[in-house]
């Protein structure tokens, strides 16, 4: 079963999917259950890959604009536990974009063990509507734009804002 499709769904914003396997020991406890705080790491990686997919790599942003995104608020809801070596799909989509911050909705999905991963993993697209996947965790994340040297809030640069807005319009 192919978990990433090129079919465009009617989303309110950009969706980026990241597929990976749970790392053996650092992510799980002795019982093989993924430690709850690791979902924050999974969500961070999905946001980073989403920005990179838009041509907005974090180091490039810092070098070219002098600014960066930082997490200012996170609300998590756990639905069920992931286990050692489970295959996950982690998504990030924009819920709202302001001039100095973005609100994102992120989800971690458990995928069936027989899922085939298209090469390369981390391809942009929408998750297929398979009924076999299970929601593990979801988050509402607010990221704000700050001056990288002083860590003071600033408006998102026009070029960054435009790239995100164009992706929102293009991916709907």
N, C-alpha and C. Protein backbone atom coordinates (compact mmCIF):
# COMPACT_ATOMS: atom_id res chain seq x y z
N UNK A 1 0.85 -1.17 0.00
CA UNK A 1 0.00 0.00 0.00
C UNK A 1 0.90 1.23 0.00
N UNK A 2 0.65 2.18 -0.89
CA UNK A 2 1.42 3.42 -0.99
C UNK A 2 0.79 4.45 -0.08
N UNK A 3 1.53 4.93 0.95
CA UNK A 3 0.94 5.82 1.94
C UNK A 3 0.94 7.28 1.52
N UNK A 4 1.75 7.66 0.54
CA UNK A 4 1.79 9.04 0.10
C UNK A 4 1.19 9.11 -1.31
N UNK A 5 0.18 9.91 -1.49
CA UNK A 5 -0.42 10.04 -2.81
C UNK A 5 -0.15 11.42 -3.35
N UNK A 6 -0.24 11.56 -4.65
CA UNK A 6 -0.08 12.87 -5.27
C UNK A 6 -1.42 13.56 -5.42
N UNK A 7 -2.47 12.85 -5.10
CA UNK A 7 -3.83 13.42 -5.18
C UNK A 7 -3.94 14.61 -4.24
N UNK A 8 -4.47 15.71 -4.74
CA UNK A 8 -4.65 16.91 -3.92
C UNK A 8 -6.00 16.84 -3.22
N UNK A 9 -5.98 17.01 -1.89
CA UNK A 9 -7.22 17.04 -1.14
C UNK A 9 -7.53 18.49 -0.82
N UNK A 10 -8.75 18.76 -0.47
CA UNK A 10 -9.15 20.11 -0.15
C UNK A 10 -8.77 20.41 1.30
N UNK A 11 -7.51 20.81 1.48
CA UNK A 11 -7.02 21.18 2.80
C UNK A 11 -7.06 22.69 2.92
N UNK A 12 -7.15 23.15 4.15
CA UNK A 12 -7.13 24.59 4.37
C UNK A 12 -5.73 25.15 4.26
N UNK A 13 -4.71 24.27 4.22
CA UNK A 13 -3.35 24.75 4.19
C UNK A 13 -2.39 23.68 3.72
N UNK A 14 -1.11 23.99 3.78
CA UNK A 14 -0.04 23.10 3.34
C UNK A 14 0.02 21.87 4.22
N UNK A 15 0.28 20.73 3.61
CA UNK A 15 0.46 19.49 4.34
C UNK A 15 1.78 18.89 3.92
N UNK A 16 2.59 18.52 4.88
CA UNK A 16 3.84 17.86 4.57
C UNK A 16 3.88 16.58 5.36
N UNK A 17 4.21 15.48 4.73
CA UNK A 17 4.22 14.19 5.40
C UNK A 17 5.64 13.67 5.52
N UNK A 18 5.96 13.15 6.67
CA UNK A 18 7.27 12.62 6.94
C UNK A 18 7.08 11.20 7.45
N UNK A 19 7.73 10.26 6.83
CA UNK A 19 7.58 8.87 7.22
C UNK A 19 8.91 8.37 7.77
N UNK A 20 8.86 7.69 8.89
CA UNK A 20 10.09 7.10 9.43
C UNK A 20 9.74 5.99 10.40
N UNK A 21 10.74 5.20 10.76
CA UNK A 21 10.57 4.13 11.72
C UNK A 21 11.09 4.60 13.06
N UNK A 22 10.45 4.20 14.12
CA UNK A 22 10.89 4.53 15.46
C UNK A 22 12.28 3.97 15.70
N UNK A 23 13.16 4.77 16.24
CA UNK A 23 14.52 4.31 16.58
C UNK A 23 14.44 3.30 17.72
N UNK A 24 15.33 2.32 17.74
CA UNK A 24 15.23 1.23 18.71
C UNK A 24 15.20 1.63 20.19
N UNK A 25 16.21 2.22 20.73
CA UNK A 25 16.24 2.45 22.16
C UNK A 25 16.02 3.90 22.61
N UNK A 26 16.64 4.87 21.97
CA UNK A 26 16.50 6.23 22.50
C UNK A 26 15.07 6.75 22.56
N UNK A 27 14.18 6.24 21.68
CA UNK A 27 12.81 6.75 21.63
C UNK A 27 11.84 6.00 22.52
N UNK A 28 12.23 4.83 23.02
CA UNK A 28 11.27 4.01 23.76
C UNK A 28 11.81 3.64 25.14
N UNK A 29 10.88 3.23 26.01
CA UNK A 29 11.28 2.79 27.35
C UNK A 29 11.58 1.30 27.32
N UNK A 30 11.85 0.72 28.48
CA UNK A 30 12.22 -0.70 28.56
C UNK A 30 11.10 -1.60 28.06
N UNK A 31 9.85 -1.16 28.13
CA UNK A 31 8.72 -1.95 27.66
C UNK A 31 8.45 -1.81 26.18
N UNK A 32 9.27 -1.01 25.48
CA UNK A 32 9.10 -0.84 24.04
C UNK A 32 8.06 0.20 23.66
N UNK A 33 7.61 1.01 24.61
CA UNK A 33 6.64 2.08 24.35
C UNK A 33 7.40 3.38 24.09
N UNK A 34 7.01 4.10 23.04
CA UNK A 34 7.67 5.37 22.73
C UNK A 34 7.39 6.36 23.85
N UNK A 35 8.43 6.95 24.40
CA UNK A 35 8.33 7.93 25.47
C UNK A 35 7.54 9.14 24.96
N UNK A 36 6.59 9.61 25.75
CA UNK A 36 5.64 10.64 25.30
C UNK A 36 6.32 11.91 24.80
N UNK A 37 7.43 12.32 25.38
CA UNK A 37 8.09 13.56 24.97
C UNK A 37 8.72 13.46 23.58
N UNK A 38 8.94 12.25 23.09
CA UNK A 38 9.54 12.10 21.77
C UNK A 38 8.62 12.56 20.64
N UNK A 39 7.33 12.64 20.91
CA UNK A 39 6.43 13.17 19.87
C UNK A 39 6.80 14.62 19.55
N UNK A 40 7.28 15.36 20.54
CA UNK A 40 7.73 16.73 20.27
C UNK A 40 8.88 16.73 19.27
N UNK A 41 9.79 15.75 19.39
CA UNK A 41 10.90 15.63 18.44
C UNK A 41 10.40 15.26 17.05
N UNK A 42 9.43 14.33 16.99
CA UNK A 42 8.87 13.95 15.70
C UNK A 42 8.21 15.15 15.03
N UNK A 43 7.47 15.94 15.81
CA UNK A 43 6.79 17.11 15.26
C UNK A 43 7.81 18.17 14.81
N UNK A 44 8.88 18.34 15.57
CA UNK A 44 9.92 19.30 15.18
C UNK A 44 10.54 18.88 13.84
N UNK A 45 10.82 17.61 13.69
CA UNK A 45 11.42 17.14 12.44
C UNK A 45 10.46 17.36 11.28
N UNK A 46 9.18 17.10 11.47
CA UNK A 46 8.21 17.31 10.39
C UNK A 46 8.14 18.79 10.00
N UNK A 47 8.17 19.69 11.00
CA UNK A 47 8.16 21.13 10.68
C UNK A 47 9.41 21.53 9.92
N UNK A 48 10.55 21.02 10.34
CA UNK A 48 11.82 21.33 9.68
C UNK A 48 11.79 20.85 8.23
N UNK A 49 11.30 19.62 8.01
CA UNK A 49 11.24 19.08 6.65
C UNK A 49 10.21 19.82 5.80
N UNK A 50 9.11 20.24 6.42
CA UNK A 50 8.10 21.03 5.70
C UNK A 50 8.71 22.34 5.20
N UNK A 51 9.42 23.04 6.09
CA UNK A 51 10.07 24.30 5.69
C UNK A 51 11.11 24.05 4.60
N UNK A 52 11.89 22.99 4.75
CA UNK A 52 12.90 22.66 3.74
C UNK A 52 12.22 22.38 2.40
N UNK A 53 11.10 21.67 2.42
CA UNK A 53 10.35 21.38 1.20
C UNK A 53 9.90 22.67 0.50
N UNK A 54 9.63 23.70 1.28
CA UNK A 54 9.23 25.00 0.71
C UNK A 54 10.44 25.84 0.29
N UNK A 55 11.65 25.30 0.44
CA UNK A 55 12.85 26.06 0.11
C UNK A 55 13.27 27.00 1.22
N UNK A 56 12.80 26.73 2.44
CA UNK A 56 13.06 27.61 3.58
C UNK A 56 13.81 26.86 4.69
N UNK A 57 14.93 26.24 4.33
CA UNK A 57 15.75 25.56 5.33
C UNK A 57 16.10 26.50 6.47
N UNK A 58 16.13 25.99 7.68
CA UNK A 58 16.30 26.85 8.85
C UNK A 58 17.65 27.59 8.86
N UNK A 59 18.73 26.92 8.49
CA UNK A 59 20.03 27.61 8.49
C UNK A 59 20.09 28.65 7.39
N UNK A 60 19.50 28.34 6.24
CA UNK A 60 19.46 29.30 5.14
C UNK A 60 18.65 30.53 5.56
N UNK A 61 17.51 30.31 6.23
CA UNK A 61 16.71 31.44 6.71
C UNK A 61 17.52 32.33 7.64
N UNK A 62 18.22 31.69 8.55
CA UNK A 62 19.02 32.47 9.52
C UNK A 62 20.12 33.25 8.82
N UNK A 63 20.79 32.60 7.87
CA UNK A 63 21.90 33.26 7.16
C UNK A 63 21.42 34.39 6.25
N UNK A 64 20.27 34.22 5.60
CA UNK A 64 19.82 35.20 4.61
C UNK A 64 18.93 36.29 5.20
N UNK A 65 18.21 35.99 6.28
CA UNK A 65 17.29 36.98 6.83
C UNK A 65 17.68 37.46 8.22
N UNK A 66 18.54 36.71 8.90
CA UNK A 66 18.90 37.06 10.27
C UNK A 66 17.83 36.66 11.28
N UNK A 67 16.84 35.90 10.82
CA UNK A 67 15.76 35.50 11.71
C UNK A 67 15.53 34.00 11.68
N UNK A 68 14.61 33.56 12.54
CA UNK A 68 14.28 32.14 12.59
C UNK A 68 12.95 31.95 13.29
N UNK A 69 12.37 30.77 13.07
CA UNK A 69 11.14 30.41 13.76
C UNK A 69 11.49 29.73 15.08
N UNK A 70 10.73 30.05 16.13
CA UNK A 70 10.86 29.38 17.42
C UNK A 70 9.46 28.98 17.89
N UNK A 71 9.39 27.88 18.61
CA UNK A 71 8.12 27.43 19.15
C UNK A 71 7.77 28.32 20.34
N UNK A 72 6.54 28.84 20.33
CA UNK A 72 6.09 29.69 21.43
C UNK A 72 4.98 29.05 22.25
N UNK A 73 4.31 28.04 21.67
CA UNK A 73 3.23 27.38 22.40
C UNK A 73 2.99 26.01 21.78
N UNK A 74 2.74 25.01 22.63
CA UNK A 74 2.42 23.66 22.17
C UNK A 74 1.32 23.10 23.05
N UNK A 75 0.33 22.50 22.42
CA UNK A 75 -0.71 21.75 23.14
C UNK A 75 -0.78 20.38 22.51
N UNK A 76 -0.58 19.34 23.32
CA UNK A 76 -0.56 17.97 22.82
C UNK A 76 -1.76 17.18 23.33
N UNK A 77 -2.22 16.26 22.51
CA UNK A 77 -3.24 15.31 22.94
C UNK A 77 -2.79 13.93 22.48
N UNK A 78 -2.67 13.02 23.44
CA UNK A 78 -2.24 11.66 23.14
C UNK A 78 -3.46 10.78 22.98
N UNK A 79 -3.47 9.97 21.91
CA UNK A 79 -4.59 9.09 21.65
C UNK A 79 -4.26 7.63 21.94
N UNK A 80 -3.05 7.22 21.57
CA UNK A 80 -2.59 5.87 21.90
C UNK A 80 -1.08 5.82 21.74
N UNK A 81 -0.47 4.79 22.29
CA UNK A 81 0.99 4.70 22.31
C UNK A 81 1.55 4.07 21.04
N UNK A 82 2.70 4.57 20.63
CA UNK A 82 3.48 3.92 19.58
C UNK A 82 4.46 2.97 20.26
N UNK A 83 4.85 1.95 19.53
CA UNK A 83 5.77 0.94 20.07
C UNK A 83 7.07 0.92 19.26
N UNK A 84 8.05 0.29 19.84
CA UNK A 84 9.35 0.12 19.22
C UNK A 84 9.18 -0.40 17.79
N UNK A 85 9.84 0.24 16.83
CA UNK A 85 9.85 -0.14 15.41
C UNK A 85 8.53 0.08 14.66
N UNK A 86 7.56 0.77 15.27
CA UNK A 86 6.36 1.14 14.53
C UNK A 86 6.71 2.11 13.42
N UNK A 87 5.97 2.06 12.34
CA UNK A 87 6.14 2.99 11.23
C UNK A 87 5.16 4.13 11.41
N UNK A 88 5.68 5.36 11.40
CA UNK A 88 4.85 6.54 11.63
C UNK A 88 4.84 7.45 10.42
N UNK A 89 3.77 8.19 10.28
CA UNK A 89 3.69 9.30 9.35
C UNK A 89 3.36 10.52 10.21
N UNK A 90 4.21 11.53 10.15
CA UNK A 90 4.03 12.73 10.95
C UNK A 90 3.74 13.89 10.01
N UNK A 91 2.66 14.62 10.27
CA UNK A 91 2.24 15.68 9.37
C UNK A 91 2.29 17.05 10.05
N UNK A 92 2.40 18.06 9.22
CA UNK A 92 2.33 19.45 9.69
C UNK A 92 1.53 20.23 8.67
N UNK A 93 0.54 20.98 9.12
CA UNK A 93 -0.20 21.85 8.20
C UNK A 93 -0.51 23.16 8.89
N UNK A 94 -0.51 24.21 8.11
CA UNK A 94 -0.77 25.55 8.64
C UNK A 94 -2.26 25.68 8.91
N UNK A 95 -2.58 26.14 10.12
CA UNK A 95 -3.98 26.44 10.45
C UNK A 95 -4.25 27.92 10.25
N UNK A 96 -3.31 28.74 10.67
CA UNK A 96 -3.46 30.18 10.48
C UNK A 96 -2.08 30.80 10.36
N UNK A 97 -1.98 31.82 9.52
CA UNK A 97 -0.70 32.51 9.41
C UNK A 97 -0.90 34.00 9.64
N UNK A 98 -0.20 34.48 10.65
CA UNK A 98 -0.20 35.89 10.97
C UNK A 98 1.08 36.52 10.45
N UNK A 99 1.26 37.77 10.72
CA UNK A 99 2.45 38.48 10.23
C UNK A 99 3.70 38.16 11.06
N UNK A 100 3.54 37.66 12.29
CA UNK A 100 4.71 37.35 13.11
C UNK A 100 4.73 35.90 13.60
N UNK A 101 3.68 35.15 13.33
CA UNK A 101 3.64 33.76 13.80
C UNK A 101 2.74 32.90 12.92
N UNK A 102 2.91 31.59 13.06
CA UNK A 102 2.10 30.62 12.34
C UNK A 102 1.50 29.66 13.35
N UNK A 103 0.25 29.29 13.15
CA UNK A 103 -0.38 28.24 13.94
C UNK A 103 -0.40 26.97 13.10
N UNK A 104 0.12 25.88 13.64
CA UNK A 104 0.21 24.62 12.91
C UNK A 104 -0.58 23.54 13.63
N UNK A 105 -1.16 22.64 12.85
CA UNK A 105 -1.79 21.44 13.40
C UNK A 105 -0.91 20.28 12.95
N UNK A 106 -0.45 19.48 13.90
CA UNK A 106 0.43 18.36 13.58
C UNK A 106 -0.17 17.07 14.12
N UNK A 107 0.07 15.99 13.38
CA UNK A 107 -0.44 14.69 13.78
C UNK A 107 0.62 13.62 13.56
N UNK A 108 0.63 12.62 14.43
CA UNK A 108 1.48 11.44 14.28
C UNK A 108 0.54 10.26 14.10
N UNK A 109 0.70 9.55 13.00
CA UNK A 109 -0.15 8.42 12.63
C UNK A 109 0.65 7.12 12.66
N UNK A 110 0.07 6.07 13.19
CA UNK A 110 0.63 4.73 13.10
C UNK A 110 0.19 4.14 11.77
N UNK A 111 1.14 3.62 11.02
CA UNK A 111 0.84 3.02 9.72
C UNK A 111 0.92 1.50 9.82
N UNK A 112 0.17 0.81 8.97
CA UNK A 112 0.22 -0.66 9.00
C UNK A 112 1.63 -1.18 8.74
N UNK A 113 1.96 -2.29 9.34
CA UNK A 113 3.30 -2.87 9.22
C UNK A 113 3.65 -3.21 7.77
N UNK A 114 2.66 -3.51 6.93
CA UNK A 114 2.92 -3.88 5.54
C UNK A 114 2.99 -2.68 4.59
N UNK A 115 3.02 -1.47 5.14
CA UNK A 115 3.08 -0.27 4.33
C UNK A 115 4.41 -0.19 3.60
N UNK A 116 4.36 0.13 2.30
CA UNK A 116 5.59 0.35 1.54
C UNK A 116 5.88 1.84 1.52
N UNK A 117 7.12 2.17 1.68
CA UNK A 117 7.53 3.57 1.71
C UNK A 117 8.08 3.95 0.34
N UNK A 118 7.49 4.96 -0.30
CA UNK A 118 8.03 5.39 -1.58
C UNK A 118 9.42 5.99 -1.40
N UNK A 119 10.27 5.87 -2.38
CA UNK A 119 11.61 6.44 -2.31
C UNK A 119 11.58 7.79 -3.00
N UNK A 120 12.18 8.81 -2.47
CA UNK A 120 12.77 8.84 -1.14
C UNK A 120 11.71 9.10 -0.08
N UNK A 121 11.98 8.64 1.13
CA UNK A 121 11.07 8.90 2.25
C UNK A 121 11.03 10.40 2.50
N UNK A 122 9.91 10.88 2.99
CA UNK A 122 9.78 12.32 3.26
C UNK A 122 9.29 13.08 2.05
N UNK A 123 8.67 12.41 1.10
CA UNK A 123 8.16 13.05 -0.10
C UNK A 123 6.96 13.91 0.26
N UNK A 124 6.85 15.07 -0.37
CA UNK A 124 5.69 15.93 -0.12
C UNK A 124 4.46 15.32 -0.75
N UNK A 125 3.33 15.46 -0.11
CA UNK A 125 2.08 14.96 -0.64
C UNK A 125 1.07 14.85 0.47
N UNK A 126 -0.04 14.23 0.20
CA UNK A 126 -1.04 14.04 1.22
C UNK A 126 -1.12 12.58 1.58
N UNK A 127 -1.44 12.29 2.82
CA UNK A 127 -1.55 10.93 3.30
C UNK A 127 -2.79 10.30 2.69
N UNK A 128 -2.67 9.08 2.21
CA UNK A 128 -3.83 8.41 1.63
C UNK A 128 -4.88 8.20 2.71
N UNK A 129 -6.11 8.07 2.30
CA UNK A 129 -7.22 7.97 3.24
C UNK A 129 -7.42 6.54 3.73
N UNK A 130 -6.36 5.82 3.95
CA UNK A 130 -6.45 4.45 4.44
C UNK A 130 -7.13 4.41 5.80
N UNK A 131 -8.05 3.49 5.97
CA UNK A 131 -8.73 3.37 7.26
C UNK A 131 -7.89 2.56 8.24
N UNK A 132 -6.77 2.02 7.76
CA UNK A 132 -5.93 1.18 8.61
C UNK A 132 -5.00 1.99 9.50
N UNK A 133 -4.78 3.24 9.21
CA UNK A 133 -3.88 4.04 10.04
C UNK A 133 -4.61 4.49 11.30
N UNK A 134 -3.83 4.74 12.36
CA UNK A 134 -4.40 5.14 13.65
C UNK A 134 -3.72 6.40 14.15
N UNK A 135 -4.51 7.35 14.61
CA UNK A 135 -3.96 8.58 15.16
C UNK A 135 -3.36 8.29 16.54
N UNK A 136 -2.08 8.63 16.69
CA UNK A 136 -1.38 8.41 17.96
C UNK A 136 -1.36 9.67 18.81
N UNK A 137 -1.04 10.79 18.18
CA UNK A 137 -0.87 12.04 18.92
C UNK A 137 -1.12 13.20 17.97
N UNK A 138 -1.66 14.30 18.51
CA UNK A 138 -1.81 15.51 17.71
C UNK A 138 -1.41 16.70 18.54
N UNK A 139 -0.99 17.74 17.85
CA UNK A 139 -0.51 18.95 18.53
C UNK A 139 -0.98 20.19 17.79
N UNK A 140 -1.21 21.22 18.57
CA UNK A 140 -1.41 22.56 18.03
C UNK A 140 -0.17 23.33 18.46
N UNK A 141 0.58 23.80 17.46
CA UNK A 141 1.88 24.43 17.70
C UNK A 141 1.86 25.83 17.14
N UNK A 142 2.32 26.79 17.90
CA UNK A 142 2.50 28.15 17.41
C UNK A 142 3.99 28.40 17.31
N UNK A 143 4.43 28.81 16.11
CA UNK A 143 5.83 29.19 15.93
C UNK A 143 5.87 30.68 15.60
N UNK A 144 6.78 31.38 16.24
CA UNK A 144 6.92 32.81 16.02
C UNK A 144 8.26 33.12 15.36
N UNK A 145 8.30 34.23 14.65
CA UNK A 145 9.52 34.67 13.98
C UNK A 145 10.27 35.61 14.92
N UNK A 146 11.57 35.36 15.10
CA UNK A 146 12.39 36.21 15.95
C UNK A 146 13.68 36.57 15.24
N UNK A 147 14.28 37.68 15.66
CA UNK A 147 15.62 38.04 15.26
C UNK A 147 16.55 37.01 15.90
N UNK A 148 17.39 36.37 15.11
CA UNK A 148 18.20 35.26 15.60
C UNK A 148 19.24 35.69 16.64
N UNK A 149 19.74 36.89 16.56
CA UNK A 149 20.78 37.30 17.50
C UNK A 149 20.21 37.79 18.83
N UNK A 150 19.07 38.45 18.80
CA UNK A 150 18.49 39.02 20.02
C UNK A 150 17.29 38.25 20.54
N UNK A 151 16.77 37.32 19.72
CA UNK A 151 15.58 36.53 20.05
C UNK A 151 14.36 37.39 20.37
N UNK A 152 14.27 38.52 19.69
CA UNK A 152 13.12 39.40 19.84
C UNK A 152 12.15 39.17 18.69
N UNK A 153 10.85 39.18 18.99
CA UNK A 153 9.84 38.95 17.94
C UNK A 153 9.93 40.00 16.83
N UNK A 154 9.70 39.54 15.61
CA UNK A 154 9.68 40.40 14.44
C UNK A 154 8.60 39.90 13.48
N UNK A 155 8.29 40.72 12.50
CA UNK A 155 7.39 40.28 11.43
C UNK A 155 8.11 39.25 10.58
N UNK A 156 7.38 38.27 10.09
CA UNK A 156 7.94 37.29 9.17
C UNK A 156 8.33 38.04 7.89
N UNK A 157 9.56 37.86 7.40
CA UNK A 157 9.97 38.56 6.17
C UNK A 157 9.00 38.27 5.02
N UNK A 158 8.81 39.26 4.18
CA UNK A 158 7.84 39.15 3.08
C UNK A 158 8.10 37.92 2.20
N UNK A 159 9.37 37.63 1.92
CA UNK A 159 9.69 36.49 1.05
C UNK A 159 9.30 35.16 1.70
N UNK A 160 9.49 35.05 3.01
CA UNK A 160 9.14 33.83 3.75
C UNK A 160 7.62 33.71 3.82
N UNK A 161 6.98 34.82 4.15
CA UNK A 161 5.53 34.84 4.24
C UNK A 161 4.90 34.46 2.90
N UNK A 162 5.47 35.00 1.82
CA UNK A 162 4.95 34.72 0.48
C UNK A 162 5.12 33.25 0.11
N UNK A 163 6.27 32.66 0.44
CA UNK A 163 6.50 31.24 0.13
C UNK A 163 5.49 30.35 0.86
N UNK A 164 5.20 30.68 2.10
CA UNK A 164 4.23 29.90 2.88
C UNK A 164 2.83 30.13 2.33
N UNK A 165 2.49 31.37 2.02
CA UNK A 165 1.17 31.68 1.47
C UNK A 165 0.97 31.03 0.11
N UNK A 166 1.99 31.04 -0.75
CA UNK A 166 1.90 30.40 -2.06
C UNK A 166 1.70 28.90 -1.91
N UNK A 167 2.37 28.28 -0.96
CA UNK A 167 2.21 26.85 -0.72
C UNK A 167 0.79 26.56 -0.25
N UNK A 168 0.25 27.43 0.60
CA UNK A 168 -1.14 27.25 1.06
C UNK A 168 -2.09 27.25 -0.12
N UNK A 169 -1.94 28.20 -1.01
CA UNK A 169 -2.83 28.34 -2.16
C UNK A 169 -2.62 27.18 -3.14
N UNK A 170 -1.36 26.83 -3.39
CA UNK A 170 -1.03 25.78 -4.35
C UNK A 170 -1.49 24.41 -3.89
N UNK A 171 -1.40 24.12 -2.59
CA UNK A 171 -1.69 22.78 -2.09
C UNK A 171 -3.14 22.56 -1.74
N UNK A 172 -4.00 23.54 -1.91
CA UNK A 172 -5.41 23.32 -1.58
C UNK A 172 -6.09 22.52 -2.65
